Amino acid sequence: MKNILKAWSLFRIIRFLVGVIVIIWAIQTHTLIIGIFGAMIIVQAIVNTTCCDNNACATRKRD
């Protein structure tokens, strides 16, 4: 819980604001899938993770 409330970097704040904007857009256009996407962005900002947080996007070095 302490990590959620502290150590907010600029990129984390931007991610949260983008999520809020996407959810507002989803409400205005009545689009559920866009709202789900916005919620995913907000959750990633709150728990401070990304899609590539577990080295899923990492590449192996060539020998």
Protein backbone atom coordinates (compact mmCIF):
# COMPACT_ATOMS: atom_id res chain seq x y z
CA MET A 1 0.00 0.00 0.00
CA LYS A 2 2.89 2.36 0.71
CA ASN A 3 4.24 1.93 -2.83
CA ILE A 4 0.91 2.99 -4.29
CA LEU A 5 0.92 6.31 -2.46
CA LYS A 6 4.58 7.27 -2.86
CA ALA A 7 7.22 7.45 -5.60
CA TRP A 8 4.98 8.87 -8.30
CA SER A 9 7.21 9.71 -11.25
CA LEU A 10 6.27 12.02 -14.08
CA PHE A 11 5.56 9.11 -16.42
CA ARG A 12 3.34 7.44 -13.83
CA ILE A 13 1.30 10.66 -13.46
CA ILE A 14 1.02 10.99 -17.24
CA ARG A 15 -0.15 7.36 -17.49
CA PHE A 16 -2.82 8.02 -14.86
CA LEU A 17 -4.03 11.19 -16.61
CA VAL A 18 -4.16 9.44 -19.99
CA GLY A 19 -6.26 6.70 -18.40
CA VAL A 20 -8.68 9.26 -16.97
CA ILE A 21 -8.96 11.01 -20.34
CA VAL A 22 -9.62 7.69 -22.09
CA ILE A 23 -12.36 6.80 -19.60
CA ILE A 24 -13.99 10.22 -20.05
CA TRP A 25 -13.85 9.68 -23.81
CA ALA A 26 -15.42 6.23 -23.39
CA ILE A 27 -18.26 7.66 -21.33
CA GLN A 28 -18.91 10.38 -23.91
CA THR A 29 -18.93 7.92 -26.82
CA HIS A 30 -20.70 5.10 -24.90
CA THR A 31 -17.95 2.63 -25.83
CA LEU A 32 -17.31 -0.13 -23.31
CA ILE A 33 -14.10 -1.51 -24.82
CA ILE A 34 -12.43 1.91 -24.69
CA GLY A 35 -13.51 2.24 -21.05
CA ILE A 36 -11.92 -1.11 -20.25
CA PHE A 37 -8.71 0.03 -21.95
CA GLY A 38 -8.74 3.24 -19.91
CA ALA A 39 -9.26 1.27 -16.71
CA MET A 40 -6.28 -0.94 -17.58
CA ILE A 41 -4.11 2.15 -18.02
CA ILE A 42 -5.23 3.54 -14.66
CA VAL A 43 -4.57 0.24 -12.87
CA GLN A 44 -1.09 0.09 -14.41
CA ALA A 45 -0.42 3.63 -13.17
CA ILE A 46 -1.68 2.90 -9.66
CA VAL A 47 0.31 -0.32 -9.17
CA ASN A 48 3.25 1.07 -11.18
CA THR A 49 3.57 -1.72 -13.72
CA THR A 50 3.76 -1.78 -17.50
CA CYS A 51 3.15 -4.36 -20.18
CA CYS A 52 6.87 -5.11 -20.30
CA ASP A 53 7.44 -5.03 -16.55
CA ASN A 54 8.33 -8.73 -16.28
CA ASN A 55 10.90 -8.63 -19.13
CA ALA A 56 8.32 -9.95 -21.59
CA CYS A 57 9.67 -7.53 -24.20
CA ALA A 58 13.32 -8.31 -23.51
CA THR A 59 15.47 -9.74 -26.25
CA ARG A 60 18.31 -12.19 -25.84
CA LYS A 61 21.86 -11.12 -26.57
CA ARG A 62 23.61 -12.88 -29.40
CA ASP A 63 26.73 -14.80 -28.53
